[in-house]
Amino acid sequence: MMRFFNTSYNQNLYDLAILLLRITVGCFMMTHGLQKLDMLMEGGPIKFADPIGVGAQASLILTVFAELICSFLILMGFATRLATIPLIITMFVAVFIIHGKDDFGNKELPGLYLAVYILLLVIGSGRFSVDRLIAGKKRKINY
């Protein structure tokens, strides 16, 4: 019974869990980004929120960049911490500005994404990532 309350962890399972988290959140968010990319490519007038005052088209382009490009980077584990920053900003705007006056149900999904991106910012991409391949090739200097 005490095993369930143990706070230690297996490093291999930890890294596997981060990989699973990155793949899941990356794929799920990329579907949102692809929908917005379609909106951008349709032509005609763009009907998209402009919560930060840069214009509807610029807001849509920034959102597509975050949701599609940055999600792909997270999926690959490349520049993961850097890639989370646009996504954190996008989800923060979605939760607190776009859906700021809405009920909890409309804030729930972007709020969950926001929490996951903050977690990935803190913990990084894990061992099974391009980041690790790059960092592993650097010479370690002991001071």
N, C-alpha and C. Protein backbone atom coordinates (compact mmCIF):
# COMPACT_ATOMS: atom_id res chain seq x y z
N MET A 1 0.82 -1.20 0.00
CA MET A 1 0.00 0.00 0.00
C MET A 1 0.86 1.26 0.00
N MET A 2 1.98 1.22 0.69
CA MET A 2 2.85 2.39 0.77
C MET A 2 3.45 2.74 -0.59
N ARG A 3 3.51 1.78 -1.50
CA ARG A 3 4.05 2.02 -2.83
C ARG A 3 3.26 3.10 -3.58
N PHE A 4 1.96 3.18 -3.33
CA PHE A 4 1.12 4.17 -4.00
C PHE A 4 1.43 5.59 -3.53
N PHE A 5 2.00 5.74 -2.38
CA PHE A 5 2.30 7.05 -1.83
C PHE A 5 3.77 7.43 -1.98
N ASN A 6 4.54 6.57 -2.61
CA ASN A 6 5.95 6.81 -2.83
C ASN A 6 6.12 7.96 -3.81
N THR A 7 7.00 8.92 -3.53
CA THR A 7 7.18 10.07 -4.41
C THR A 7 8.38 9.93 -5.34
N SER A 8 9.09 8.82 -5.28
CA SER A 8 10.19 8.61 -6.21
C SER A 8 9.63 8.14 -7.55
N TYR A 9 10.45 8.16 -8.58
CA TYR A 9 9.96 7.75 -9.89
C TYR A 9 11.06 7.04 -10.67
N ASN A 10 10.63 6.29 -11.67
CA ASN A 10 11.52 5.59 -12.58
C ASN A 10 11.85 6.55 -13.72
N GLN A 11 13.13 6.83 -13.94
CA GLN A 11 13.54 7.81 -14.96
C GLN A 11 13.08 7.42 -16.36
N ASN A 12 13.12 6.12 -16.69
CA ASN A 12 12.67 5.69 -18.02
C ASN A 12 11.18 5.94 -18.22
N LEU A 13 10.38 5.63 -17.21
CA LEU A 13 8.94 5.89 -17.31
C LEU A 13 8.64 7.39 -17.35
N TYR A 14 9.42 8.16 -16.61
CA TYR A 14 9.29 9.62 -16.61
C TYR A 14 9.52 10.17 -18.02
N ASP A 15 10.60 9.77 -18.65
CA ASP A 15 10.91 10.24 -20.00
C ASP A 15 9.90 9.74 -21.03
N LEU A 16 9.42 8.52 -20.85
CA LEU A 16 8.38 7.99 -21.73
C LEU A 16 7.08 8.77 -21.56
N ALA A 17 6.76 9.12 -20.34
CA ALA A 17 5.54 9.91 -20.08
C ALA A 17 5.64 11.29 -20.71
N ILE A 18 6.81 11.91 -20.65
CA ILE A 18 6.99 13.22 -21.29
C ILE A 18 6.84 13.09 -22.80
N LEU A 19 7.41 12.04 -23.37
CA LEU A 19 7.26 11.79 -24.81
C LEU A 19 5.79 11.63 -25.18
N LEU A 20 5.07 10.84 -24.42
CA LEU A 20 3.64 10.64 -24.67
C LEU A 20 2.87 11.95 -24.54
N LEU A 21 3.20 12.74 -23.55
CA LEU A 21 2.56 14.05 -23.36
C LEU A 21 2.84 14.96 -24.56
N ARG A 22 4.09 15.02 -24.99
CA ARG A 22 4.45 15.87 -26.13
C ARG A 22 3.74 15.43 -27.41
N ILE A 23 3.70 14.13 -27.67
CA ILE A 23 3.04 13.62 -28.88
C ILE A 23 1.55 13.93 -28.83
N THR A 24 0.94 13.67 -27.69
CA THR A 24 -0.51 13.88 -27.56
C THR A 24 -0.89 15.35 -27.72
N VAL A 25 -0.26 16.21 -26.93
CA VAL A 25 -0.62 17.62 -26.97
C VAL A 25 -0.23 18.23 -28.31
N GLY A 26 0.89 17.78 -28.88
CA GLY A 26 1.30 18.29 -30.19
C GLY A 26 0.31 17.94 -31.28
N CYS A 27 -0.10 16.69 -31.34
CA CYS A 27 -1.06 16.25 -32.36
C CYS A 27 -2.43 16.91 -32.17
N PHE A 28 -2.90 16.94 -30.94
CA PHE A 28 -4.21 17.53 -30.69
C PHE A 28 -4.23 19.01 -31.06
N MET A 29 -3.20 19.75 -30.66
CA MET A 29 -3.19 21.18 -30.95
C MET A 29 -2.97 21.45 -32.43
N MET A 30 -2.22 20.58 -33.10
CA MET A 30 -2.01 20.77 -34.53
C MET A 30 -3.33 20.67 -35.31
N THR A 31 -4.29 19.89 -34.82
CA THR A 31 -5.59 19.83 -35.50
C THR A 31 -6.28 21.19 -35.44
N HIS A 32 -6.15 21.89 -34.31
CA HIS A 32 -6.72 23.24 -34.20
C HIS A 32 -5.98 24.20 -35.14
N GLY A 33 -4.66 24.05 -35.21
CA GLY A 33 -3.87 24.90 -36.09
C GLY A 33 -4.19 24.68 -37.56
N LEU A 34 -4.43 23.43 -37.94
CA LEU A 34 -4.79 23.14 -39.33
C LEU A 34 -6.13 23.75 -39.70
N GLN A 35 -7.09 23.74 -38.78
CA GLN A 35 -8.38 24.38 -39.03
C GLN A 35 -8.20 25.88 -39.26
N LYS A 36 -7.34 26.48 -38.46
CA LYS A 36 -7.11 27.92 -38.60
C LYS A 36 -6.30 28.23 -39.85
N LEU A 37 -5.40 27.32 -40.24
CA LEU A 37 -4.67 27.50 -41.49
C LEU A 37 -5.63 27.48 -42.68
N ASP A 38 -6.62 26.60 -42.63
CA ASP A 38 -7.65 26.58 -43.68
C ASP A 38 -8.38 27.91 -43.74
N MET A 39 -8.70 28.48 -42.57
CA MET A 39 -9.36 29.80 -42.54
C MET A 39 -8.49 30.85 -43.20
N LEU A 40 -7.20 30.78 -42.95
CA LEU A 40 -6.25 31.74 -43.49
C LEU A 40 -6.12 31.61 -45.00
N MET A 41 -6.14 30.37 -45.49
CA MET A 41 -5.93 30.12 -46.92
C MET A 41 -7.20 30.27 -47.76
N GLU A 42 -8.36 30.33 -47.14
CA GLU A 42 -9.61 30.41 -47.89
C GLU A 42 -9.69 31.65 -48.77
N GLY A 43 -9.05 32.70 -48.36
CA GLY A 43 -9.20 33.96 -49.07
C GLY A 43 -10.45 34.66 -48.58
N GLY A 44 -10.67 35.83 -49.05
CA GLY A 44 -11.83 36.60 -48.61
C GLY A 44 -11.55 37.24 -47.26
N PRO A 45 -12.57 37.89 -46.74
CA PRO A 45 -12.38 38.57 -45.46
C PRO A 45 -12.16 37.57 -44.32
N ILE A 46 -11.23 37.91 -43.45
CA ILE A 46 -10.91 37.04 -42.32
C ILE A 46 -11.76 37.44 -41.13
N LYS A 47 -12.48 36.47 -40.61
CA LYS A 47 -13.31 36.68 -39.43
C LYS A 47 -12.64 35.94 -38.27
N PHE A 48 -11.81 36.68 -37.54
CA PHE A 48 -11.08 36.11 -36.42
C PHE A 48 -10.94 37.18 -35.37
N ALA A 49 -10.92 36.78 -34.12
CA ALA A 49 -10.81 37.73 -33.02
C ALA A 49 -9.48 38.48 -33.08
N ASP A 50 -9.51 39.72 -32.61
CA ASP A 50 -8.32 40.55 -32.54
C ASP A 50 -8.14 41.04 -31.10
N PRO A 51 -7.82 40.12 -30.19
CA PRO A 51 -7.81 40.48 -28.77
C PRO A 51 -6.66 41.39 -28.33
N ILE A 52 -5.58 41.42 -29.10
CA ILE A 52 -4.44 42.25 -28.68
C ILE A 52 -4.22 43.45 -29.60
N GLY A 53 -5.14 43.69 -30.51
CA GLY A 53 -5.13 44.89 -31.33
C GLY A 53 -4.12 44.93 -32.47
N VAL A 54 -3.77 43.80 -33.03
CA VAL A 54 -2.83 43.78 -34.16
C VAL A 54 -3.54 43.53 -35.49
N GLY A 55 -4.84 43.38 -35.46
CA GLY A 55 -5.62 43.09 -36.65
C GLY A 55 -6.00 41.62 -36.70
N ALA A 56 -7.14 41.35 -37.34
CA ALA A 56 -7.64 39.98 -37.40
C ALA A 56 -6.70 39.06 -38.16
N GLN A 57 -6.14 39.53 -39.29
CA GLN A 57 -5.26 38.68 -40.08
C GLN A 57 -3.97 38.37 -39.31
N ALA A 58 -3.37 39.37 -38.70
CA ALA A 58 -2.15 39.15 -37.93
C ALA A 58 -2.41 38.23 -36.74
N SER A 59 -3.55 38.42 -36.08
CA SER A 59 -3.91 37.53 -34.95
C SER A 59 -4.04 36.09 -35.41
N LEU A 60 -4.67 35.90 -36.57
CA LEU A 60 -4.83 34.56 -37.11
C LEU A 60 -3.47 33.95 -37.49
N ILE A 61 -2.61 34.73 -38.11
CA ILE A 61 -1.29 34.25 -38.49
C ILE A 61 -0.49 33.85 -37.26
N LEU A 62 -0.51 34.68 -36.21
CA LEU A 62 0.21 34.36 -34.97
C LEU A 62 -0.35 33.09 -34.32
N THR A 63 -1.65 32.94 -34.37
CA THR A 63 -2.28 31.75 -33.79
C THR A 63 -1.92 30.50 -34.58
N VAL A 64 -1.93 30.61 -35.91
CA VAL A 64 -1.54 29.47 -36.74
C VAL A 64 -0.08 29.10 -36.47
N PHE A 65 0.79 30.10 -36.36
CA PHE A 65 2.20 29.83 -36.04
C PHE A 65 2.31 29.07 -34.73
N ALA A 66 1.63 29.55 -33.70
CA ALA A 66 1.71 28.90 -32.39
C ALA A 66 1.13 27.49 -32.44
N GLU A 67 -0.10 27.38 -32.95
CA GLU A 67 -0.81 26.11 -32.87
C GLU A 67 -0.29 25.06 -33.85
N LEU A 68 0.29 25.47 -34.95
CA LEU A 68 0.75 24.51 -35.94
C LEU A 68 2.27 24.31 -35.88
N ILE A 69 3.02 25.38 -36.05
CA ILE A 69 4.48 25.27 -36.10
C ILE A 69 5.06 24.91 -34.73
N CYS A 70 4.65 25.66 -33.70
CA CYS A 70 5.19 25.39 -32.36
C CYS A 70 4.75 24.02 -31.84
N SER A 71 3.53 23.61 -32.19
CA SER A 71 3.08 22.28 -31.78
C SER A 71 3.91 21.19 -32.45
N PHE A 72 4.27 21.40 -33.71
CA PHE A 72 5.13 20.43 -34.39
C PHE A 72 6.50 20.36 -33.72
N LEU A 73 7.04 21.51 -33.33
CA LEU A 73 8.33 21.54 -32.64
C LEU A 73 8.26 20.77 -31.32
N ILE A 74 7.15 20.96 -30.60
CA ILE A 74 6.96 20.23 -29.33
C ILE A 74 6.84 18.74 -29.60
N LEU A 75 6.11 18.38 -30.61
CA LEU A 75 5.96 16.97 -30.99
C LEU A 75 7.32 16.33 -31.24
N MET A 76 8.21 17.04 -31.92
CA MET A 76 9.54 16.53 -32.24
C MET A 76 10.50 16.66 -31.05
N GLY A 77 10.15 17.49 -30.10
CA GLY A 77 11.05 17.73 -28.98
C GLY A 77 12.21 18.61 -29.38
N PHE A 78 11.96 19.55 -30.28
CA PHE A 78 12.99 20.46 -30.76
C PHE A 78 12.68 21.88 -30.29
N ALA A 79 13.59 22.47 -29.54
CA ALA A 79 13.41 23.81 -28.97
C ALA A 79 12.10 23.85 -28.17
N THR A 80 11.87 22.82 -27.42
CA THR A 80 10.59 22.64 -26.74
C THR A 80 10.25 23.80 -25.82
N ARG A 81 11.18 24.17 -24.97
CA ARG A 81 10.89 25.26 -24.03
C ARG A 81 10.59 26.56 -24.78
N LEU A 82 11.34 26.84 -25.81
CA LEU A 82 11.10 28.04 -26.62
C LEU A 82 9.76 27.96 -27.33
N ALA A 83 9.42 26.79 -27.85
CA ALA A 83 8.17 26.60 -28.59
C ALA A 83 6.94 26.72 -27.69
N THR A 84 7.10 26.48 -26.40
CA THR A 84 5.94 26.60 -25.52
C THR A 84 5.54 28.06 -25.28
N ILE A 85 6.46 28.98 -25.44
CA ILE A 85 6.16 30.39 -25.11
C ILE A 85 5.03 30.96 -25.97
N PRO A 86 5.06 30.85 -27.32
CA PRO A 86 3.91 31.34 -28.10
C PRO A 86 2.61 30.61 -27.76
N LEU A 87 2.71 29.33 -27.44
CA LEU A 87 1.51 28.57 -27.09
C LEU A 87 0.96 28.99 -25.73
N ILE A 88 1.83 29.28 -24.79
CA ILE A 88 1.38 29.78 -23.49
C ILE A 88 0.68 31.12 -23.66
N ILE A 89 1.25 31.99 -24.47
CA ILE A 89 0.62 33.30 -24.73
C ILE A 89 -0.73 33.12 -25.41
N THR A 90 -0.77 32.25 -26.41
CA THR A 90 -2.03 32.00 -27.14
C THR A 90 -3.11 31.45 -26.22
N MET A 91 -2.76 30.47 -25.40
CA MET A 91 -3.75 29.88 -24.49
C MET A 91 -4.13 30.85 -23.37
N PHE A 92 -3.20 31.66 -22.92
CA PHE A 92 -3.51 32.68 -21.92
C PHE A 92 -4.54 33.66 -22.48
N VAL A 93 -4.32 34.11 -23.71
CA VAL A 93 -5.27 35.01 -24.37
C VAL A 93 -6.62 34.32 -24.54
N ALA A 94 -6.61 33.06 -24.94
CA ALA A 94 -7.86 32.32 -25.13
C ALA A 94 -8.64 32.20 -23.82
N VAL A 95 -7.96 31.87 -22.74
CA VAL A 95 -8.63 31.66 -21.45
C VAL A 95 -9.11 32.98 -20.84
N PHE A 96 -8.23 33.97 -20.79
CA PHE A 96 -8.52 35.16 -20.00
C PHE A 96 -9.06 36.34 -20.80
N ILE A 97 -8.89 36.34 -22.12
CA ILE A 97 -9.41 37.45 -22.92
C ILE A 97 -10.57 36.99 -23.80
N ILE A 98 -10.31 36.02 -24.69
CA ILE A 98 -11.36 35.55 -25.60
C ILE A 98 -12.54 34.96 -24.83
N HIS A 99 -12.25 34.08 -23.87
CA HIS A 99 -13.31 33.43 -23.10
C HIS A 99 -13.40 33.98 -21.67
N GLY A 100 -12.87 35.16 -21.46
CA GLY A 100 -12.81 35.74 -20.12
C GLY A 100 -14.16 35.85 -19.43
N LYS A 101 -15.19 36.17 -20.18
CA LYS A 101 -16.53 36.33 -19.59
C LYS A 101 -17.40 35.10 -19.77
N ASP A 102 -16.86 34.08 -20.44
CA ASP A 102 -17.63 32.86 -20.68
C ASP A 102 -17.66 31.98 -19.44
N ASP A 103 -18.51 30.97 -19.48
CA ASP A 103 -18.56 30.02 -18.36
C ASP A 103 -17.35 29.09 -18.41
N PHE A 104 -17.19 28.33 -17.36
CA PHE A 104 -16.02 27.47 -17.20
C PHE A 104 -15.85 26.49 -18.36
N GLY A 105 -16.93 25.98 -18.89
CA GLY A 105 -16.87 24.99 -19.97
C GLY A 105 -16.11 25.49 -21.19
N ASN A 106 -16.22 26.78 -21.49
CA ASN A 106 -15.51 27.34 -22.63
C ASN A 106 -14.04 27.62 -22.34
N LYS A 107 -13.70 27.71 -21.07
CA LYS A 107 -12.32 27.97 -20.67
C LYS A 107 -11.54 26.68 -20.39
N GLU A 108 -12.27 25.59 -20.24
CA GLU A 108 -11.67 24.35 -19.78
C GLU A 108 -10.57 23.84 -20.72
N LEU A 109 -10.84 23.68 -22.00
CA LEU A 109 -9.85 23.13 -22.93
C LEU A 109 -8.62 24.03 -23.06
N PRO A 110 -8.79 25.33 -23.35
CA PRO A 110 -7.57 26.14 -23.42
C PRO A 110 -6.84 26.22 -22.07
N GLY A 111 -7.58 26.12 -20.98
CA GLY A 111 -6.94 26.10 -19.65
C GLY A 111 -6.09 24.85 -19.44
N LEU A 112 -6.58 23.71 -19.91
CA LEU A 112 -5.79 22.48 -19.82
C LEU A 112 -4.54 22.55 -20.69
N TYR A 113 -4.70 23.07 -21.91
CA TYR A 113 -3.54 23.26 -22.77
C TYR A 113 -2.53 24.20 -22.11
N LEU A 114 -3.01 25.28 -21.53
CA LEU A 114 -2.13 26.23 -20.84
C LEU A 114 -1.33 25.54 -19.74
N ALA A 115 -1.99 24.72 -18.95
CA ALA A 115 -1.31 24.00 -17.87
C ALA A 115 -0.24 23.05 -18.42
N VAL A 116 -0.55 22.35 -19.50
CA VAL A 116 0.42 21.42 -20.10
C VAL A 116 1.62 22.18 -20.65
N TYR A 117 1.38 23.31 -21.30
CA TYR A 117 2.49 24.07 -21.86
C TYR A 117 3.37 24.67 -20.78
N ILE A 118 2.78 25.10 -19.69
CA ILE A 118 3.58 25.59 -18.56
C ILE A 118 4.41 24.44 -17.99
N LEU A 119 3.81 23.26 -17.87
CA LEU A 119 4.55 22.09 -17.40
C LEU A 119 5.74 21.79 -18.32
N LEU A 120 5.51 21.79 -19.64
CA LEU A 120 6.59 21.51 -20.58
C LEU A 120 7.67 22.59 -20.55
N LEU A 121 7.28 23.83 -20.30
CA LEU A 121 8.27 24.90 -20.14
C LEU A 121 9.19 24.61 -18.96
N VAL A 122 8.61 24.11 -17.89
CA VAL A 122 9.37 23.85 -16.67
C VAL A 122 10.22 22.58 -16.80
N ILE A 123 9.63 21.48 -17.29
CA ILE A 123 10.36 20.20 -17.29
C ILE A 123 11.15 19.93 -18.56
N GLY A 124 10.85 20.63 -19.63
CA GLY A 124 11.57 20.40 -20.88
C GLY A 124 11.03 19.21 -21.64
N SER A 125 11.80 18.78 -22.64
CA SER A 125 11.32 17.77 -23.58
C SER A 125 11.64 16.34 -23.20
N GLY A 126 12.49 16.14 -22.21
CA GLY A 126 12.83 14.78 -21.80
C GLY A 126 13.92 14.16 -22.66
N ARG A 127 14.23 12.94 -22.35
CA ARG A 127 15.33 12.23 -22.99
C ARG A 127 15.04 11.86 -24.44
N PHE A 128 13.81 11.53 -24.77
CA PHE A 128 13.46 11.09 -26.12
C PHE A 128 13.06 12.29 -26.96
N SER A 129 14.05 13.12 -27.32
CA SER A 129 13.76 14.36 -28.03
C SER A 129 14.96 14.79 -28.85
N VAL A 130 14.72 15.66 -29.78
CA VAL A 130 15.81 16.27 -30.55
C VAL A 130 16.64 17.15 -29.62
N ASP A 131 15.99 17.83 -28.69
CA ASP A 131 16.72 18.65 -27.72
C ASP A 131 17.80 17.84 -27.02
N ARG A 132 17.48 16.64 -26.63
CA ARG A 132 18.43 15.78 -25.93
C ARG A 132 19.59 15.39 -26.86
N LEU A 133 19.28 15.12 -28.13
CA LEU A 133 20.34 14.78 -29.08
C LEU A 133 21.30 15.95 -29.25
N ILE A 134 20.75 17.15 -29.32
CA ILE A 134 21.60 18.34 -29.46
C ILE A 134 22.41 18.58 -28.19
N ALA A 135 21.76 18.51 -27.05
CA ALA A 135 22.44 18.75 -25.77
C ALA A 135 23.47 17.66 -25.48
N GLY A 136 23.20 16.44 -25.90
CA GLY A 136 24.11 15.33 -25.66
C GLY A 136 25.39 15.43 -26.46
N LYS A 137 25.36 16.15 -27.56
CA LYS A 137 26.54 16.29 -28.40
C LYS A 137 27.46 17.40 -27.92
N LYS A 138 26.97 18.23 -27.03
CA LYS A 138 27.81 19.30 -26.49
C LYS A 138 28.78 18.71 -25.48
N ARG A 139 29.96 19.27 -25.43
CA ARG A 139 30.95 18.83 -24.48
C ARG A 139 30.58 19.34 -23.10
N LYS A 140 30.60 18.46 -22.14
CA LYS A 140 30.27 18.84 -20.76
C LYS A 140 31.51 19.43 -20.10
N ILE A 141 31.34 20.56 -19.47
CA ILE A 141 32.43 21.23 -18.78
C ILE A 141 32.15 21.17 -17.28
N ASN A 142 33.08 20.62 -16.54
CA ASN A 142 32.93 20.56 -15.09
C ASN A 142 33.73 21.69 -14.45
N TYR A 143 33.09 22.44 -13.62
CA TYR A 143 33.76 23.54 -12.92
C TYR A 143 34.11 23.16 -11.53
